[in-house]
Amino acid sequence: MNISYIRILIFILTFILVVMLPWWISILVLAGLTIYFPLYLEVLFFGFLFDALYSVKYNFPYTGLTIALVFLVIVLFIKTRIKNF
């Protein structure tokens, strides 16, 4: 199977998980996928989806998106450091 088909299938399954399961299980799944795939930019979409589904009136409305971006940058930084050794 092609890697793009696998990513599309995992995106659809993750979308269903984010909508159906509690937020803390979805965050664990997204963290695992971000670590597993080389560059899992879909986590930014799911961060925005978390904001749309679970956000409360905050001063900064894009908390989930910002946390997803920071987590993605941290994971990418750690992966590049590990590959250099």
N, C-alpha and C. Protein backbone atom coordinates (compact mmCIF):
# COMPACT_ATOMS: atom_id res chain seq x y z
N MET A 1 0.83 -1.18 0.00
CA MET A 1 0.00 0.00 0.00
C MET A 1 0.87 1.24 0.00
N ASN A 2 0.46 2.24 -0.70
CA ASN A 2 1.20 3.49 -0.80
C ASN A 2 1.10 4.27 0.52
N ILE A 3 2.15 5.01 0.87
CA ILE A 3 2.17 5.75 2.14
C ILE A 3 1.11 6.85 2.17
N SER A 4 0.77 7.42 1.01
CA SER A 4 -0.26 8.46 1.00
C SER A 4 -1.64 7.88 1.32
N TYR A 5 -1.91 6.66 0.86
CA TYR A 5 -3.18 6.02 1.20
C TYR A 5 -3.25 5.72 2.69
N ILE A 6 -2.14 5.32 3.26
CA ILE A 6 -2.10 5.03 4.69
C ILE A 6 -2.33 6.31 5.49
N ARG A 7 -1.73 7.40 5.07
CA ARG A 7 -1.93 8.67 5.78
C ARG A 7 -3.36 9.16 5.67
N ILE A 8 -3.97 8.98 4.52
CA ILE A 8 -5.38 9.38 4.35
C ILE A 8 -6.27 8.52 5.23
N LEU A 9 -6.01 7.23 5.26
CA LEU A 9 -6.80 6.33 6.10
C LEU A 9 -6.63 6.68 7.58
N ILE A 10 -5.42 6.96 8.00
CA ILE A 10 -5.17 7.33 9.40
C ILE A 10 -5.80 8.69 9.71
N PHE A 11 -5.80 9.60 8.74
CA PHE A 11 -6.46 10.89 8.95
C PHE A 11 -7.95 10.70 9.20
N ILE A 12 -8.59 9.87 8.41
CA ILE A 12 -10.03 9.63 8.56
C ILE A 12 -10.31 8.96 9.91
N LEU A 13 -9.51 7.96 10.27
CA LEU A 13 -9.69 7.30 11.56
C LEU A 13 -9.46 8.25 12.73
N THR A 14 -8.45 9.09 12.61
CA THR A 14 -8.17 10.05 13.67
C THR A 14 -9.27 11.08 13.78
N PHE A 15 -9.82 11.49 12.66
CA PHE A 15 -10.93 12.44 12.68
C PHE A 15 -12.12 11.84 13.43
N ILE A 16 -12.41 10.58 13.17
CA ILE A 16 -13.50 9.90 13.88
C ILE A 16 -13.18 9.80 15.37
N LEU A 17 -11.93 9.50 15.70
CA LEU A 17 -11.54 9.40 17.11
C LEU A 17 -11.68 10.74 17.82
N VAL A 18 -11.28 11.82 17.17
CA VAL A 18 -11.34 13.14 17.79
C VAL A 18 -12.79 13.55 18.05
N VAL A 19 -13.66 13.21 17.13
CA VAL A 19 -15.06 13.59 17.28
C VAL A 19 -15.79 12.70 18.29
N MET A 20 -15.46 11.42 18.32
CA MET A 20 -16.22 10.47 19.13
C MET A 20 -15.68 10.26 20.55
N LEU A 21 -14.36 10.21 20.71
CA LEU A 21 -13.78 9.86 21.99
C LEU A 21 -13.53 11.10 22.85
N PRO A 22 -13.27 10.90 24.14
CA PRO A 22 -12.92 12.04 24.99
C PRO A 22 -11.63 12.71 24.51
N TRP A 23 -11.47 13.96 24.88
CA TRP A 23 -10.36 14.76 24.38
C TRP A 23 -9.01 14.20 24.81
N TRP A 24 -8.92 13.62 26.00
CA TRP A 24 -7.61 13.17 26.48
C TRP A 24 -7.14 11.93 25.74
N ILE A 25 -8.04 11.08 25.29
CA ILE A 25 -7.64 9.92 24.47
C ILE A 25 -7.19 10.40 23.09
N SER A 26 -7.91 11.39 22.56
CA SER A 26 -7.55 11.93 21.25
C SER A 26 -6.18 12.59 21.28
N ILE A 27 -5.87 13.27 22.36
CA ILE A 27 -4.56 13.92 22.48
C ILE A 27 -3.45 12.87 22.53
N LEU A 28 -3.67 11.78 23.23
CA LEU A 28 -2.67 10.71 23.28
C LEU A 28 -2.45 10.10 21.90
N VAL A 29 -3.53 9.88 21.16
CA VAL A 29 -3.41 9.32 19.80
C VAL A 29 -2.67 10.30 18.90
N LEU A 30 -3.00 11.58 18.97
CA LEU A 30 -2.33 12.57 18.13
C LEU A 30 -0.86 12.71 18.49
N ALA A 31 -0.53 12.63 19.77
CA ALA A 31 0.88 12.69 20.17
C ALA A 31 1.64 11.50 19.62
N GLY A 32 1.04 10.33 19.68
CA GLY A 32 1.68 9.14 19.14
C GLY A 32 1.88 9.23 17.63
N LEU A 33 0.89 9.74 16.92
CA LEU A 33 1.01 9.88 15.47
C LEU A 33 2.05 10.93 15.09
N THR A 34 2.14 11.99 15.89
CA THR A 34 3.13 13.02 15.61
C THR A 34 4.54 12.47 15.80
N ILE A 35 4.73 11.60 16.75
CA ILE A 35 6.03 11.00 16.98
C ILE A 35 6.33 9.94 15.93
N TYR A 36 5.31 9.19 15.50
CA TYR A 36 5.52 8.08 14.56
C TYR A 36 5.84 8.56 13.15
N PHE A 37 5.05 9.49 12.62
CA PHE A 37 5.26 9.95 11.24
C PHE A 37 6.37 11.00 11.19
N PRO A 38 7.08 11.06 10.06
CA PRO A 38 8.18 12.04 9.95
C PRO A 38 7.72 13.49 10.09
N LEU A 39 6.64 13.85 9.42
CA LEU A 39 6.11 15.21 9.50
C LEU A 39 4.59 15.11 9.45
N TYR A 40 3.97 15.12 10.60
CA TYR A 40 2.52 14.93 10.68
C TYR A 40 1.85 16.29 10.85
N LEU A 41 1.71 17.01 9.74
CA LEU A 41 1.12 18.34 9.78
C LEU A 41 -0.39 18.31 10.02
N GLU A 42 -0.99 17.15 9.91
CA GLU A 42 -2.42 17.03 10.16
C GLU A 42 -2.76 17.36 11.60
N VAL A 43 -1.78 17.30 12.49
CA VAL A 43 -2.03 17.61 13.89
C VAL A 43 -2.46 19.07 14.04
N LEU A 44 -2.06 19.94 13.13
CA LEU A 44 -2.50 21.34 13.19
C LEU A 44 -4.00 21.45 12.89
N PHE A 45 -4.47 20.67 11.94
CA PHE A 45 -5.91 20.65 11.65
C PHE A 45 -6.68 20.16 12.87
N PHE A 46 -6.17 19.11 13.51
CA PHE A 46 -6.87 18.58 14.67
C PHE A 46 -6.79 19.53 15.86
N GLY A 47 -5.73 20.33 15.95
CA GLY A 47 -5.67 21.37 16.97
C GLY A 47 -6.75 22.41 16.75
N PHE A 48 -6.96 22.78 15.50
CA PHE A 48 -8.05 23.71 15.18
C PHE A 48 -9.40 23.07 15.46
N LEU A 49 -9.53 21.78 15.18
CA LEU A 49 -10.77 21.07 15.46
C LEU A 49 -11.05 21.01 16.96
N PHE A 50 -10.02 20.82 17.76
CA PHE A 50 -10.19 20.86 19.21
C PHE A 50 -10.71 22.22 19.65
N ASP A 51 -10.18 23.29 19.06
CA ASP A 51 -10.66 24.61 19.41
C ASP A 51 -12.13 24.78 19.04
N ALA A 52 -12.53 24.24 17.91
CA ALA A 52 -13.92 24.37 17.49
C ALA A 52 -14.85 23.52 18.35
N LEU A 53 -14.39 22.35 18.78
CA LEU A 53 -15.25 21.46 19.54
C LEU A 53 -15.27 21.74 21.04
N TYR A 54 -14.11 21.97 21.63
CA TYR A 54 -14.01 22.00 23.08
C TYR A 54 -13.63 23.35 23.66
N SER A 55 -13.52 24.37 22.87
CA SER A 55 -13.03 25.64 23.41
C SER A 55 -14.11 26.33 24.24
N VAL A 56 -13.62 27.02 25.22
CA VAL A 56 -14.47 27.83 26.07
C VAL A 56 -14.07 29.27 25.76
N LYS A 57 -14.80 30.20 26.26
CA LYS A 57 -14.47 31.62 26.01
C LYS A 57 -13.15 31.97 26.69
N TYR A 58 -12.09 32.00 25.89
CA TYR A 58 -10.77 32.40 26.38
C TYR A 58 -10.42 33.76 25.80
N ASN A 59 -9.40 34.38 26.38
CA ASN A 59 -8.88 35.60 25.78
C ASN A 59 -8.20 35.30 24.46
N PHE A 60 -7.57 34.13 24.39
CA PHE A 60 -6.92 33.68 23.16
C PHE A 60 -7.66 32.44 22.67
N PRO A 61 -8.44 32.55 21.58
CA PRO A 61 -9.34 31.44 21.20
C PRO A 61 -8.65 30.26 20.53
N TYR A 62 -7.40 30.37 20.12
CA TYR A 62 -6.74 29.29 19.39
C TYR A 62 -5.72 28.56 20.25
N THR A 63 -6.14 28.17 21.43
CA THR A 63 -5.23 27.51 22.37
C THR A 63 -4.82 26.13 21.86
N GLY A 64 -5.75 25.33 21.38
CA GLY A 64 -5.44 23.99 20.89
C GLY A 64 -4.53 24.02 19.68
N LEU A 65 -4.76 24.96 18.78
CA LEU A 65 -3.91 25.09 17.59
C LEU A 65 -2.50 25.50 17.97
N THR A 66 -2.37 26.40 18.92
CA THR A 66 -1.05 26.84 19.36
C THR A 66 -0.30 25.71 20.06
N ILE A 67 -0.98 24.96 20.91
CA ILE A 67 -0.34 23.84 21.60
C ILE A 67 0.09 22.78 20.59
N ALA A 68 -0.74 22.52 19.58
CA ALA A 68 -0.38 21.54 18.55
C ALA A 68 0.84 22.01 17.77
N LEU A 69 0.92 23.28 17.46
CA LEU A 69 2.08 23.81 16.72
C LEU A 69 3.34 23.72 17.56
N VAL A 70 3.25 24.08 18.81
CA VAL A 70 4.43 24.01 19.69
C VAL A 70 4.89 22.56 19.86
N PHE A 71 3.94 21.64 20.04
CA PHE A 71 4.30 20.23 20.18
C PHE A 71 4.95 19.70 18.91
N LEU A 72 4.42 20.10 17.75
CA LEU A 72 4.99 19.65 16.48
C LEU A 72 6.42 20.17 16.30
N VAL A 73 6.66 21.41 16.65
CA VAL A 73 8.00 21.99 16.54
C VAL A 73 8.97 21.30 17.50
N ILE A 74 8.52 21.01 18.72
CA ILE A 74 9.38 20.33 19.69
C ILE A 74 9.74 18.93 19.20
N VAL A 75 8.75 18.19 18.69
CA VAL A 75 9.00 16.83 18.20
C VAL A 75 9.95 16.86 17.01
N LEU A 76 9.76 17.81 16.10
CA LEU A 76 10.67 17.92 14.95
C LEU A 76 12.09 18.25 15.38
N PHE A 77 12.23 19.13 16.37
CA PHE A 77 13.54 19.49 16.87
C PHE A 77 14.23 18.29 17.51
N ILE A 78 13.50 17.53 18.31
CA ILE A 78 14.06 16.36 18.97
C ILE A 78 14.43 15.29 17.94
N LYS A 79 13.57 15.09 16.94
CA LYS A 79 13.87 14.07 15.91
C LYS A 79 15.13 14.42 15.13
N THR A 80 15.33 15.69 14.81
CA THR A 80 16.54 16.06 14.07
C THR A 80 17.78 15.90 14.94
N ARG A 81 17.66 16.17 16.22
CA ARG A 81 18.79 16.01 17.12
C ARG A 81 19.15 14.53 17.29
N ILE A 82 18.14 13.68 17.36
CA ILE A 82 18.39 12.25 17.52
C ILE A 82 19.01 11.66 16.26
N LYS A 83 18.58 12.12 15.08
CA LYS A 83 19.12 11.61 13.82
C LYS A 83 20.58 11.99 13.65
N ASN A 84 21.01 13.09 14.23
CA ASN A 84 22.40 13.53 14.10
C ASN A 84 23.38 12.67 14.89
N PHE A 85 22.90 11.96 15.89
CA PHE A 85 23.79 11.14 16.71
C PHE A 85 24.02 9.80 16.12
